[in-house]
Amino acid sequence: MYPPLNREFPPVFDGHEDFITAIKPRGNIFGPRGGRDFLADGATAPDEGEHIEQSKRGHVDIPRAMRGGLGGCFTSIYLSNERAEYNALAYAIDEINDVLRIADRSEGHFRVCRTVSEVRKAWDDDAFASVFMFEGADPISSSLKELRVFYELGLRCLAPTWSRSTIFAHGVSFGGHLPDTGLTDLGRELVSECNRLGIILDVSHINPAGFWDMLRESKQPVIATHSSVKAISPHVRNLDDEQIRALAKQGGTIGINFANIFLRPDMQPNSDTSLEVVISHFEHIINLVGEEHVSFGSDFDGTDIPTFIRDAEGLPVILRELQRRGHSQTTLERICNGNFLRVAEATWK
């Protein structure tokens, strides 16, 4: 029914994918973009022009993931501003249910995983390993009671904010005022409870003050699921060298985001971004702190990405170039999945 997982390189575990939001059926006012079937091959959709084609096909589905060696990801439970304000808890449950329904229909080819051993077993069976993450803790109340329930459902990674603020912290604004305060008192409680339960903390969307508070408060490694390098592209969402060093010192890893505006030195939304620019983000982190602290964080189905990548089938292009430049098999394995799984093994209970 599906192609086997491409084994040219170790299976890729991607730090961030938005497919569950992107494939919401048309007609839903809070998710009008999608309507495609994650189990079907979007690459066979009719070519109706670049803009329509992109919105119809997206970046990820099971056939393209298997052909591209994409073995799994942190599946983002993301709430738009409208959803977060309307009923964040209900919409988070709705998206989790959508993921579970894909698993039900997949005949074992798509699996919701809660442990590293389940992720590896999925790859042994040529299946896609999906791990729940929250991109913003909006569904969690001040009592934190929802966090335990979501943990039991499979939540294993959490970002206290998207780019907006929550009761826990302040997000990185893309245009407006950037708050200079960090975690709230509730945010510190949230970090402590995530440590206790075994939920990885993600700093990709938090403001700088919150970033430093997260690293101080967490007793476990912290990750950036989908950020890139500020020294190359000075976007507010990227990490500077001081942040990269601190995150690495704590044992974390940074997933390189494929958004054109986060990759390009000019921060322009042009999809002609070169392979050289993408590779430079990986190599900057390798040269700065070592191969143990860089991973994939594509942001598939959540942003516009370079044309040469196109979709999940394009991942081997990046790995072949890293290999051509002399990076070892050990380095490639760490980038593909080893760094994220190392943090998971240190955190998940």
C-alpha atoms as a PDB file:
ATOM      1  CA  MET A   1       0.000   0.000   0.000  1.00  0.00           C
ATOM      2  CA  TYR A   2       2.836   2.403   0.904  1.00  0.00           C
ATOM      3  CA  PRO A   3       6.489   2.492  -0.132  1.00  0.00           C
ATOM      4  CA  PRO A   4       8.998   1.304   2.486  1.00  0.00           C
ATOM      5  CA  LEU A   5      10.913   3.885   4.516  1.00  0.00           C
ATOM      6  CA  ASN A   6      13.851   5.173   2.479  1.00  0.00           C
ATOM      7  CA  ARG A   7      17.035   3.843   4.166  1.00  0.00           C
ATOM      8  CA  GLU A   8      19.594   5.839   2.201  1.00  0.00           C
ATOM      9  CA  PHE A   9      20.202   7.711   5.466  1.00  0.00           C
ATOM     10  CA  PRO A  10      19.049   7.096   9.045  1.00  0.00           C
ATOM     11  CA  PRO A  11      15.326   7.853   9.503  1.00  0.00           C
ATOM     12  CA  VAL A  12      14.656  11.548  10.041  1.00  0.00           C
ATOM     13  CA  PHE A  13      12.781  12.554  13.172  1.00  0.00           C
ATOM     14  CA  ASP A  14      11.602  16.085  12.442  1.00  0.00           C
ATOM     15  CA  GLY A  15      11.232  18.595  15.272  1.00  0.00           C
ATOM     16  CA  HIS A  16       8.112  20.320  13.988  1.00  0.00           C
ATOM     17  CA  GLU A  17       5.350  19.654  11.469  1.00  0.00           C
ATOM     18  CA  ASP A  18       1.958  21.367  11.129  1.00  0.00           C
ATOM     19  CA  PHE A  19       0.177  18.859   8.906  1.00  0.00           C
ATOM     20  CA  ILE A  20      -2.713  18.225  11.281  1.00  0.00           C
ATOM     21  CA  THR A  21      -3.708  21.898  11.160  1.00  0.00           C
ATOM     22  CA  ALA A  22      -3.070  22.182   7.424  1.00  0.00           C
ATOM     23  CA  ILE A  23      -5.319  19.265   6.437  1.00  0.00           C
ATOM     24  CA  LYS A  24      -8.414  20.449   8.310  1.00  0.00           C
ATOM     25  CA  PRO A  25     -11.416  20.167   5.941  1.00  0.00           C
ATOM     26  CA  ARG A  26     -12.514  23.213   4.038  1.00  0.00           C
ATOM     27  CA  GLY A  27     -15.540  24.943   5.502  1.00  0.00           C
ATOM     28  CA  ASN A  28     -14.174  25.016   9.053  1.00  0.00           C
ATOM     29  CA  ILE A  29     -13.737  28.742   9.744  1.00  0.00           C
ATOM     30  CA  PHE A  30     -10.780  28.027  12.024  1.00  0.00           C
ATOM     31  CA  GLY A  31      -8.915  25.832   9.554  1.00  0.00           C
ATOM     32  CA  PRO A  32      -9.870  26.540   5.945  1.00  0.00           C
ATOM     33  CA  ARG A  33      -6.603  25.606   4.224  1.00  0.00           C
ATOM     34  CA  GLY A  34      -6.651  21.879   3.828  1.00  0.00           C
ATOM     35  CA  GLY A  35      -8.969  19.010   3.082  1.00  0.00           C
ATOM     36  CA  ARG A  36      -6.329  16.562   1.809  1.00  0.00           C
ATOM     37  CA  ASP A  37      -5.868  13.019   3.077  1.00  0.00           C
ATOM     38  CA  PHE A  38      -2.632  12.473   5.014  1.00  0.00           C
ATOM     39  CA  LEU A  39      -2.599   8.829   3.986  1.00  0.00           C
ATOM     40  CA  ALA A  40      -2.805   9.646   0.255  1.00  0.00           C
ATOM     41  CA  ASP A  41      -0.001  10.790  -2.042  1.00  0.00           C
ATOM     42  CA  GLY A  42      -0.345  14.551  -2.427  1.00  0.00           C
ATOM     43  CA  ALA A  43       2.304  14.538  -5.139  1.00  0.00           C
ATOM     44  CA  THR A  44      -0.285  13.083  -7.550  1.00  0.00           C
ATOM     45  CA  ALA A  45      -2.649  16.066  -7.182  1.00  0.00           C
ATOM     46  CA  PRO A  46      -3.374  17.908 -10.457  1.00  0.00           C
ATOM     47  CA  ASP A  47      -1.013  20.778 -11.228  1.00  0.00           C
ATOM     48  CA  GLU A  48      -3.222  23.863 -11.039  1.00  0.00           C
ATOM     49  CA  GLY A  49      -0.537  26.495 -10.554  1.00  0.00           C
ATOM     50  CA  GLU A  50       2.026  27.027  -7.842  1.00  0.00           C
ATOM     51  CA  HIS A  51      -0.169  28.736  -5.229  1.00  0.00           C
ATOM     52  CA  ILE A  52      -3.138  26.377  -5.539  1.00  0.00           C
ATOM     53  CA  GLU A  53      -0.864  23.350  -5.852  1.00  0.00           C
ATOM     54  CA  GLN A  54       0.976  24.238  -2.658  1.00  0.00           C
ATOM     55  CA  SER A  55      -2.239  24.692  -0.673  1.00  0.00           C
ATOM     56  CA  LYS A  56      -3.740  21.457  -2.031  1.00  0.00           C
ATOM     57  CA  ARG A  57      -0.737  19.194  -1.701  1.00  0.00           C
ATOM     58  CA  GLY A  58       1.136  20.565   1.285  1.00  0.00           C
ATOM     59  CA  HIS A  59       4.505  19.172   2.295  1.00  0.00           C
ATOM     60  CA  VAL A  60       3.876  15.868   4.082  1.00  0.00           C
ATOM     61  CA  ASP A  61       1.837  12.708   3.733  1.00  0.00           C
ATOM     62  CA  ILE A  62       2.718   9.081   4.391  1.00  0.00           C
ATOM     63  CA  PRO A  63       3.856   8.164   0.843  1.00  0.00           C
ATOM     64  CA  ARG A  64       6.122  11.208   0.501  1.00  0.00           C
ATOM     65  CA  ALA A  65       7.452  10.783   4.041  1.00  0.00           C
ATOM     66  CA  MET A  66       8.442   7.194   3.309  1.00  0.00           C
ATOM     67  CA  ARG A  67      10.132   8.112   0.012  1.00  0.00           C
ATOM     68  CA  GLY A  68      12.021  10.965   1.688  1.00  0.00           C
ATOM     69  CA  GLY A  69      13.209   8.933   4.674  1.00  0.00           C
ATOM     70  CA  LEU A  70      11.032  10.964   7.061  1.00  0.00           C
ATOM     71  CA  GLY A  71      10.343   8.500   9.848  1.00  0.00           C
ATOM     72  CA  GLY A  72       8.386  10.727  12.195  1.00  0.00           C
ATOM     73  CA  CYS A  73       8.071  14.048  13.924  1.00  0.00           C
ATOM     74  CA  PHE A  74       6.758  16.113  16.762  1.00  0.00           C
ATOM     75  CA  THR A  75       3.223  16.660  15.474  1.00  0.00           C
ATOM     76  CA  SER A  76       2.244  20.198  16.365  1.00  0.00           C
ATOM     77  CA  ILE A  77      -1.064  20.855  18.087  1.00  0.00           C
ATOM     78  CA  TYR A  78      -1.272  24.496  17.057  1.00  0.00           C
ATOM     79  CA  LEU A  79      -4.024  26.981  17.776  1.00  0.00           C
ATOM     80  CA  SER A  80      -4.565  30.073  15.676  1.00  0.00           C
ATOM     81  CA  ASN A  81      -5.365  33.299  17.510  1.00  0.00           C
ATOM     82  CA  GLU A  82      -9.064  32.726  16.824  1.00  0.00           C
ATOM     83  CA  ARG A  83      -8.979  29.195  18.177  1.00  0.00           C
ATOM     84  CA  ALA A  84      -6.989  30.148  21.264  1.00  0.00           C
ATOM     85  CA  GLU A  85      -9.434  32.918  22.128  1.00  0.00           C
ATOM     86  CA  TYR A  86     -12.552  30.919  21.327  1.00  0.00           C
ATOM     87  CA  ASN A  87     -11.962  27.583  23.069  1.00  0.00           C
ATOM     88  CA  ALA A  88      -8.340  26.446  23.185  1.00  0.00           C
ATOM     89  CA  LEU A  89      -9.029  23.258  25.119  1.00  0.00           C
ATOM     90  CA  ALA A  90     -11.740  22.049  22.753  1.00  0.00           C
ATOM     91  CA  TYR A  91      -9.694  22.692  19.658  1.00  0.00           C
ATOM     92  CA  ALA A  92      -6.631  20.956  21.074  1.00  0.00           C
ATOM     93  CA  ILE A  93      -8.769  17.886  21.736  1.00  0.00           C
ATOM     94  CA  ASP A  94     -10.172  18.195  18.213  1.00  0.00           C
ATOM     95  CA  GLU A  95      -6.694  18.141  16.650  1.00  0.00           C
ATOM     96  CA  ILE A  96      -5.529  15.242  18.821  1.00  0.00           C
ATOM     97  CA  ASN A  97      -8.615  13.341  17.742  1.00  0.00           C
ATOM     98  CA  ASP A  98      -7.757  14.061  14.101  1.00  0.00           C
ATOM     99  CA  VAL A  99      -4.293  12.536  14.609  1.00  0.00           C
ATOM    100  CA  LEU A 100      -5.735   9.478  16.339  1.00  0.00           C
ATOM    101  CA  ARG A 101      -8.194   8.976  13.484  1.00  0.00           C
ATOM    102  CA  ILE A 102      -5.323   8.973  10.988  1.00  0.00           C
ATOM    103  CA  ALA A 103      -3.647   6.278  13.084  1.00  0.00           C
ATOM    104  CA  ASP A 104      -6.869   4.248  13.157  1.00  0.00           C
ATOM    105  CA  ARG A 105      -7.174   4.354   9.361  1.00  0.00           C
ATOM    106  CA  SER A 106      -3.525   3.721   8.587  1.00  0.00           C
ATOM    107  CA  GLU A 107      -3.374  -0.043   9.279  1.00  0.00           C
ATOM    108  CA  GLY A 108      -0.255   0.482  11.382  1.00  0.00           C
ATOM    109  CA  HIS A 109       1.622   2.739   8.957  1.00  0.00           C
ATOM    110  CA  PHE A 110       1.077   5.842  11.132  1.00  0.00           C
ATOM    111  CA  ARG A 111       1.549   5.442  14.878  1.00  0.00           C
ATOM    112  CA  VAL A 112       1.179   7.744  17.869  1.00  0.00           C
ATOM    113  CA  CYS A 113       4.292   7.081  19.945  1.00  0.00           C
ATOM    114  CA  ARG A 114       4.949   7.827  23.625  1.00  0.00           C
ATOM    115  CA  THR A 115       8.387   6.257  24.143  1.00  0.00           C
ATOM    116  CA  VAL A 116      11.659   6.090  22.241  1.00  0.00           C
ATOM    117  CA  SER A 117      11.272   2.336  21.903  1.00  0.00           C
ATOM    118  CA  GLU A 118       7.896   2.863  20.201  1.00  0.00           C
ATOM    119  CA  VAL A 119       9.501   5.320  17.769  1.00  0.00           C
ATOM    120  CA  ARG A 120      12.239   2.845  16.891  1.00  0.00           C
ATOM    121  CA  LYS A 121       9.735  -0.002  16.559  1.00  0.00           C
ATOM    122  CA  ALA A 122       7.731   2.095  14.100  1.00  0.00           C
ATOM    123  CA  TRP A 123      10.860   2.495  11.958  1.00  0.00           C
ATOM    124  CA  ASP A 124      11.570  -1.223  12.121  1.00  0.00           C
ATOM    125  CA  ASP A 125       8.083  -1.702  10.679  1.00  0.00           C
ATOM    126  CA  ASP A 126       8.373   1.047   8.000  1.00  0.00           C
ATOM    127  CA  ALA A 127       5.818   3.170   9.860  1.00  0.00           C
ATOM    128  CA  PHE A 128       5.617   6.896  10.618  1.00  0.00           C
ATOM    129  CA  ALA A 129       6.146   7.798  14.299  1.00  0.00           C
ATOM    130  CA  SER A 130       4.031  10.751  15.436  1.00  0.00           C
ATOM    131  CA  VAL A 131       4.674  12.331  18.851  1.00  0.00           C
ATOM    132  CA  PHE A 132       2.293  14.997  20.170  1.00  0.00           C
ATOM    133  CA  MET A 133       3.617  18.459  20.995  1.00  0.00           C
ATOM    134  CA  PHE A 134       1.837  21.687  21.937  1.00  0.00           C
ATOM    135  CA  GLU A 135       2.898  24.824  20.079  1.00  0.00           C
ATOM    136  CA  GLY A 136       1.668  27.093  22.849  1.00  0.00           C
ATOM    137  CA  ALA A 137       0.243  26.057  26.217  1.00  0.00           C
ATOM    138  CA  ASP A 138      -3.077  27.829  25.643  1.00  0.00           C
ATOM    139  CA  PRO A 139      -5.129  24.661  26.400  1.00  0.00           C
ATOM    140  CA  ILE A 140      -3.542  24.434  29.880  1.00  0.00           C
ATOM    141  CA  SER A 141      -5.223  26.315  32.745  1.00  0.00           C
ATOM    142  CA  SER A 142      -3.632  27.782  35.861  1.00  0.00           C
ATOM    143  CA  SER A 143      -4.378  24.553  37.744  1.00  0.00           C
ATOM    144  CA  LEU A 144      -2.178  22.585  35.275  1.00  0.00           C
ATOM    145  CA  LYS A 145      -4.654  19.700  35.584  1.00  0.00           C
ATOM    146  CA  GLU A 146      -5.003  19.447  31.806  1.00  0.00           C
ATOM    147  CA  LEU A 147      -1.270  18.847  31.433  1.00  0.00           C
ATOM    148  CA  ARG A 148      -1.461  15.448  33.130  1.00  0.00           C
ATOM    149  CA  VAL A 149      -4.434  14.418  31.003  1.00  0.00           C
ATOM    150  CA  PHE A 150      -2.665  15.417  27.798  1.00  0.00           C
ATOM    151  CA  TYR A 151       0.462  13.608  28.969  1.00  0.00           C
ATOM    152  CA  GLU A 152      -1.559  10.406  29.279  1.00  0.00           C
ATOM    153  CA  LEU A 153      -2.801  10.988  25.711  1.00  0.00           C
ATOM    154  CA  GLY A 154       0.792  11.172  24.509  1.00  0.00           C
ATOM    155  CA  LEU A 155       1.939  14.788  24.914  1.00  0.00           C
ATOM    156  CA  ARG A 156       5.742  14.628  25.095  1.00  0.00           C
ATOM    157  CA  CYS A 157       6.892  18.126  24.074  1.00  0.00           C
ATOM    158  CA  LEU A 158       5.537  21.540  24.986  1.00  0.00           C
ATOM    159  CA  ALA A 159       6.289  25.150  24.083  1.00  0.00           C
ATOM    160  CA  PRO A 160       4.807  27.515  26.689  1.00  0.00           C
ATOM    161  CA  THR A 161       3.948  29.998  23.936  1.00  0.00           C
ATOM    162  CA  TRP A 162       3.384  30.409  20.273  1.00  0.00           C
ATOM    163  CA  SER A 163       4.318  33.935  19.202  1.00  0.00           C
ATOM    164  CA  ARG A 164       1.555  35.409  21.360  1.00  0.00           C
ATOM    165  CA  SER A 165       1.670  35.527  25.160  1.00  0.00           C
ATOM    166  CA  THR A 166       0.029  33.055  27.504  1.00  0.00           C
ATOM    167  CA  ILE A 167      -0.477  32.938  31.270  1.00  0.00           C
ATOM    168  CA  PHE A 168       2.914  31.187  31.409  1.00  0.00           C
ATOM    169  CA  ALA A 169       5.243  33.339  29.285  1.00  0.00           C
ATOM    170  CA  HIS A 170       5.543  35.800  26.419  1.00  0.00           C
ATOM    171  CA  GLY A 171       5.966  34.824  22.820  1.00  0.00           C
ATOM    172  CA  VAL A 172       8.283  36.227  20.191  1.00  0.00           C
ATOM    173  CA  SER A 173       6.205  38.789  18.333  1.00  0.00           C
ATOM    174  CA  PHE A 174       6.735  38.991  14.572  1.00  0.00           C
ATOM    175  CA  GLY A 175       6.033  42.701  14.482  1.00  0.00           C
ATOM    176  CA  GLY A 176       4.826  44.334  17.661  1.00  0.00           C
ATOM    177  CA  HIS A 177       6.366  45.065  21.032  1.00  0.00           C
ATOM    178  CA  LEU A 178       8.623  42.335  22.411  1.00  0.00           C
ATOM    179  CA  PRO A 179       8.007  42.005  26.187  1.00  0.00           C
ATOM    180  CA  ASP A 180      11.199  42.037  28.225  1.00  0.00           C
ATOM    181  CA  THR A 181       9.847  39.890  31.067  1.00  0.00           C
ATOM    182  CA  GLY A 182      10.247  36.128  31.143  1.00  0.00           C
ATOM    183  CA  LEU A 183       8.319  33.271  32.737  1.00  0.00           C
ATOM    184  CA  THR A 184       5.444  34.114  35.030  1.00  0.00           C
ATOM    185  CA  ASP A 185       5.110  32.352  38.374  1.00  0.00           C
ATOM    186  CA  LEU A 186       2.708  29.963  36.655  1.00  0.00           C
ATOM    187  CA  GLY A 187       5.294  29.467  33.933  1.00  0.00           C
ATOM    188  CA  ARG A 188       7.826  28.313  36.487  1.00  0.00           C
ATOM    189  CA  GLU A 189       5.261  25.855  37.854  1.00  0.00           C
ATOM    190  CA  LEU A 190       4.643  24.638  34.310  1.00  0.00           C
ATOM    191  CA  VAL A 191       8.351  23.987  33.741  1.00  0.00           C
ATOM    192  CA  SER A 192       8.580  22.081  37.018  1.00  0.00           C
ATOM    193  CA  GLU A 193       5.545  19.950  36.207  1.00  0.00           C
ATOM    194  CA  CYS A 194       6.830  19.168  32.697  1.00  0.00           C
ATOM    195  CA  ASN A 195      10.115  18.040  34.264  1.00  0.00           C
ATOM    196  CA  ARG A 196       8.224  15.846  36.724  1.00  0.00           C
ATOM    197  CA  LEU A 197       5.995  14.218  34.114  1.00  0.00           C
ATOM    198  CA  GLY A 198       8.688  13.841  31.471  1.00  0.00           C
ATOM    199  CA  ILE A 199       7.649  16.407  28.845  1.00  0.00           C
ATOM    200  CA  ILE A 200      10.403  18.060  26.795  1.00  0.00           C
ATOM    201  CA  LEU A 201      10.352  21.864  26.879  1.00  0.00           C
ATOM    202  CA  ASP A 202      10.628  23.834  23.624  1.00  0.00           C
ATOM    203  CA  VAL A 203      11.938  27.414  23.380  1.00  0.00           C
ATOM    204  CA  SER A 204      11.342  28.048  19.669  1.00  0.00           C
ATOM    205  CA  HIS A 205       8.589  30.652  20.109  1.00  0.00           C
ATOM    206  CA  ILE A 206       9.408  32.187  23.489  1.00  0.00           C
ATOM    207  CA  ASN A 207      10.894  35.671  23.942  1.00  0.00           C
ATOM    208  CA  PRO A 208      14.578  36.031  24.970  1.00  0.00           C
ATOM    209  CA  ALA A 209      13.831  36.658  28.655  1.00  0.00           C
ATOM    210  CA  GLY A 210      11.656  33.562  28.717  1.00  0.00           C
ATOM    211  CA  PHE A 211      14.366  31.566  26.960  1.00  0.00           C
ATOM    212  CA  TRP A 212      16.860  32.307  29.737  1.00  0.00           C
ATOM    213  CA  ASP A 213      14.276  31.638  32.445  1.00  0.00           C
ATOM    214  CA  MET A 214      13.430  28.273  30.850  1.00  0.00           C
ATOM    215  CA  LEU A 215      17.059  27.182  30.874  1.00  0.00           C
ATOM    216  CA  ARG A 216      17.497  28.286  34.480  1.00  0.00           C
ATOM    217  CA  GLU A 217      14.314  26.602  35.690  1.00  0.00           C
ATOM    218  CA  SER A 218      14.487  23.304  33.808  1.00  0.00           C
ATOM    219  CA  LYS A 219      16.351  20.397  35.361  1.00  0.00           C
ATOM    220  CA  GLN A 220      16.326  18.590  32.009  1.00  0.00           C
ATOM    221  CA  PRO A 221      17.620  19.440  28.515  1.00  0.00           C
ATOM    222  CA  VAL A 222      15.614  22.051  26.625  1.00  0.00           C
ATOM    223  CA  ILE A 223      15.240  22.060  22.833  1.00  0.00           C
ATOM    224  CA  ALA A 224      14.351  24.451  20.037  1.00  0.00           C
ATOM    225  CA  THR A 225      12.127  22.341  17.805  1.00  0.00           C
ATOM    226  CA  HIS A 226      12.090  24.701  14.812  1.00  0.00           C
ATOM    227  CA  SER A 227      14.452  27.664  14.935  1.00  0.00           C
ATOM    228  CA  SER A 228      17.439  28.696  12.839  1.00  0.00           C
ATOM    229  CA  VAL A 229      20.649  30.707  13.253  1.00  0.00           C
ATOM    230  CA  LYS A 230      20.463  34.448  13.918  1.00  0.00           C
ATOM    231  CA  ALA A 231      24.077  34.987  12.842  1.00  0.00           C
ATOM    232  CA  ILE A 232      22.969  34.016   9.320  1.00  0.00           C
ATOM    233  CA  SER A 233      19.387  35.292   9.271  1.00  0.00           C
ATOM    234  CA  PRO A 234      18.662  37.982  11.899  1.00  0.00           C
ATOM    235  CA  HIS A 235      14.979  37.122  12.281  1.00  0.00           C
ATOM    236  CA  VAL A 236      13.556  37.502  15.797  1.00  0.00           C
ATOM    237  CA  ARG A 237      12.560  33.817  15.775  1.00  0.00           C
ATOM    238  CA  ASN A 238      16.146  32.620  15.369  1.00  0.00           C
ATOM    239  CA  LEU A 239      18.699  31.935  18.111  1.00  0.00           C
ATOM    240  CA  ASP A 240      21.873  33.936  18.598  1.00  0.00           C
ATOM    241  CA  ASP A 241      25.215  32.306  19.345  1.00  0.00           C
ATOM    242  CA  GLU A 242      24.948  32.916  23.081  1.00  0.00           C
ATOM    243  CA  GLN A 243      21.601  31.148  23.165  1.00  0.00           C
ATOM    244  CA  ILE A 244      22.906  28.269  21.057  1.00  0.00           C
ATOM    245  CA  ARG A 245      25.883  27.784  23.374  1.00  0.00           C
ATOM    246  CA  ALA A 246      23.671  27.833  26.471  1.00  0.00           C
ATOM    247  CA  LEU A 247      21.140  25.395  25.033  1.00  0.00           C
ATOM    248  CA  ALA A 248      23.932  23.047  23.963  1.00  0.00           C
ATOM    249  CA  LYS A 249      25.602  23.240  27.368  1.00  0.00           C
ATOM    250  CA  GLN A 250      22.361  21.983  28.899  1.00  0.00           C
ATOM    251  CA  GLY A 251      22.263  19.073  26.452  1.00  0.00           C
ATOM    252  CA  GLY A 252      19.622  20.359  24.048  1.00  0.00           C
ATOM    253  CA  THR A 253      19.391  20.475  20.273  1.00  0.00           C
ATOM    254  CA  ILE A 254      18.128  22.947  17.658  1.00  0.00           C
ATOM    255  CA  GLY A 255      15.911  21.846  14.772  1.00  0.00           C
ATOM    256  CA  ILE A 256      16.714  23.905  11.673  1.00  0.00           C
ATOM    257  CA  ASN A 257      13.539  25.584  10.399  1.00  0.00           C
ATOM    258  CA  PHE A 258      13.034  25.592   6.609  1.00  0.00           C
ATOM    259  CA  ALA A 259      11.004  28.828   6.528  1.00  0.00           C
ATOM    260  CA  ASN A 260      12.566  31.045   3.886  1.00  0.00           C
ATOM    261  CA  ILE A 261      12.349  34.108   6.132  1.00  0.00           C
ATOM    262  CA  PHE A 262      14.292  32.284   8.885  1.00  0.00           C
ATOM    263  CA  LEU A 263      16.945  30.946   6.496  1.00  0.00           C
ATOM    264  CA  ARG A 264      17.764  33.877   4.257  1.00  0.00           C
ATOM    265  CA  PRO A 265      20.146  36.667   5.314  1.00  0.00           C
ATOM    266  CA  ASP A 266      17.680  39.160   3.799  1.00  0.00           C
ATOM    267  CA  MET A 267      14.708  37.545   5.629  1.00  0.00           C
ATOM    268  CA  GLN A 268      12.642  37.766   2.435  1.00  0.00           C
ATOM    269  CA  PRO A 269       9.862  35.230   1.720  1.00  0.00           C
ATOM    270  CA  ASN A 270      11.519  34.103  -1.516  1.00  0.00           C
ATOM    271  CA  SER A 271      11.458  30.383  -2.202  1.00  0.00           C
ATOM    272  CA  ASP A 272      14.610  30.486  -4.338  1.00  0.00           C
ATOM    273  CA  THR A 273      16.628  30.056  -1.126  1.00  0.00           C
ATOM    274  CA  SER A 274      19.746  28.079  -1.992  1.00  0.00           C
ATOM    275  CA  LEU A 275      20.971  24.753  -0.691  1.00  0.00           C
ATOM    276  CA  GLU A 276      24.152  26.546   0.369  1.00  0.00           C
ATOM    277  CA  VAL A 277      22.183  28.813   2.714  1.00  0.00           C
ATOM    278  CA  VAL A 278      20.318  25.895   4.291  1.00  0.00           C
ATOM    279  CA  ILE A 279      23.544  23.955   4.848  1.00  0.00           C
ATOM    280  CA  SER A 280      25.157  27.018   6.414  1.00  0.00           C
ATOM    281  CA  HIS A 281      22.678  26.893   9.307  1.00  0.00           C
ATOM    282  CA  PHE A 282      23.543  23.268  10.079  1.00  0.00           C
ATOM    283  CA  GLU A 283      27.272  23.874   9.802  1.00  0.00           C
ATOM    284  CA  HIS A 284      27.212  27.048  11.892  1.00  0.00           C
ATOM    285  CA  ILE A 285      25.842  25.084  14.843  1.00  0.00           C
ATOM    286  CA  ILE A 286      28.220  22.167  14.239  1.00  0.00           C
ATOM    287  CA  ASN A 287      31.194  24.523  14.168  1.00  0.00           C
ATOM    288  CA  LEU A 288      29.977  26.483  17.197  1.00  0.00           C
ATOM    289  CA  VAL A 289      28.900  23.736  19.617  1.00  0.00           C
ATOM    290  CA  GLY A 290      29.264  20.378  17.884  1.00  0.00           C
ATOM    291  CA  GLU A 291      27.236  17.837  15.952  1.00  0.00           C
ATOM    292  CA  GLU A 292      25.309  16.771  19.064  1.00  0.00           C
ATOM    293  CA  HIS A 293      23.151  19.892  18.998  1.00  0.00           C
ATOM    294  CA  VAL A 294      21.598  20.273  15.549  1.00  0.00           C
ATOM    295  CA  SER A 295      18.609  18.483  14.038  1.00  0.00           C
ATOM    296  CA  PHE A 296      15.810  18.901  11.504  1.00  0.00           C
ATOM    297  CA  GLY A 297      12.935  21.249  12.407  1.00  0.00           C
ATOM    298  CA  SER A 298      11.338  21.704   9.011  1.00  0.00           C
ATOM    299  CA  ASP A 299       8.036  23.430   9.885  1.00  0.00           C
ATOM    300  CA  PHE A 300       6.498  21.421   7.033  1.00  0.00           C
ATOM    301  CA  ASP A 301       2.919  22.476   6.275  1.00  0.00           C
ATOM    302  CA  GLY A 302       3.363  25.574   8.440  1.00  0.00           C
ATOM    303  CA  THR A 303       5.405  27.868   6.211  1.00  0.00           C
ATOM    304  CA  ASP A 304       6.823  28.502   2.751  1.00  0.00           C
ATOM    305  CA  ILE A 305      10.021  26.530   2.181  1.00  0.00           C
ATOM    306  CA  PRO A 306      12.792  26.529  -0.456  1.00  0.00           C
ATOM    307  CA  THR A 307      11.786  25.282  -3.881  1.00  0.00           C
ATOM    308  CA  PHE A 308      14.649  22.797  -4.026  1.00  0.00           C
ATOM    309  CA  ILE A 309      13.274  20.993  -0.950  1.00  0.00           C
ATOM    310  CA  ARG A 310       9.658  21.216  -2.130  1.00  0.00           C
ATOM    311  CA  ASP A 311       8.274  18.678   0.353  1.00  0.00           C
ATOM    312  CA  ALA A 312       9.213  15.692   2.545  1.00  0.00           C
ATOM    313  CA  GLU A 313      10.753  13.892  -0.427  1.00  0.00           C
ATOM    314  CA  GLY A 314      13.437  16.586  -0.562  1.00  0.00           C
ATOM    315  CA  LEU A 315      15.151  15.752   2.731  1.00  0.00           C
ATOM    316  CA  PRO A 316      17.827  13.505   1.153  1.00  0.00           C
ATOM    317  CA  VAL A 317      19.059  16.475  -0.908  1.00  0.00           C
ATOM    318  CA  ILE A 318      20.262  18.144   2.292  1.00  0.00           C
ATOM    319  CA  LEU A 319      21.773  14.970   3.698  1.00  0.00           C
ATOM    320  CA  ARG A 320      23.618  14.168   0.468  1.00  0.00           C
ATOM    321  CA  GLU A 321      25.182  17.633   0.512  1.00  0.00           C
ATOM    322  CA  LEU A 322      26.240  17.263   4.147  1.00  0.00           C
ATOM    323  CA  GLN A 323      27.742  13.906   3.238  1.00  0.00           C
ATOM    324  CA  ARG A 324      29.504  15.382   0.192  1.00  0.00           C
ATOM    325  CA  ARG A 325      31.065  18.003   2.467  1.00  0.00           C
ATOM    326  CA  GLY A 326      32.667  15.281   4.526  1.00  0.00           C
ATOM    327  CA  HIS A 327      30.298  14.963   7.485  1.00  0.00           C
ATOM    328  CA  SER A 328      30.528  11.473   8.936  1.00  0.00           C
ATOM    329  CA  GLN A 329      27.838   8.835   9.217  1.00  0.00           C
ATOM    330  CA  THR A 330      27.783   9.475  12.969  1.00  0.00           C
ATOM    331  CA  THR A 331      27.110  13.162  12.382  1.00  0.00           C
ATOM    332  CA  LEU A 332      24.335  12.390   9.911  1.00  0.00           C
ATOM    333  CA  GLU A 333      22.722   9.946  12.330  1.00  0.00           C
ATOM    334  CA  ARG A 334      22.756  12.547  15.094  1.00  0.00           C
ATOM    335  CA  ILE A 335      21.223  15.178  12.821  1.00  0.00           C
ATOM    336  CA  CYS A 336      18.605  12.789  11.449  1.00  0.00           C
ATOM    337  CA  ASN A 337      17.293  11.514  14.774  1.00  0.00           C
ATOM    338  CA  GLY A 338      19.988  10.860  17.367  1.00  0.00           C
ATOM    339  CA  ASN A 339      20.004  14.282  18.994  1.00  0.00           C
ATOM    340  CA  PHE A 340      16.253  14.516  19.490  1.00  0.00           C
ATOM    341  CA  LEU A 341      16.031  10.910  20.699  1.00  0.00           C
ATOM    342  CA  ARG A 342      18.922  11.464  23.122  1.00  0.00           C
ATOM    343  CA  VAL A 343      16.956  14.297  24.749  1.00  0.00           C
ATOM    344  CA  ALA A 344      13.816  12.151  24.733  1.00  0.00           C
ATOM    345  CA  GLU A 345      15.606   9.292  26.475  1.00  0.00           C
ATOM    346  CA  ALA A 346      16.837  11.725  29.136  1.00  0.00           C
ATOM    347  CA  THR A 347      13.373  13.235  29.665  1.00  0.00           C
ATOM    348  CA  TRP A 348      10.498  10.886  28.900  1.00  0.00           C
ATOM    349  CA  LYS A 349       9.313   8.735  31.795  1.00  0.00           C
END
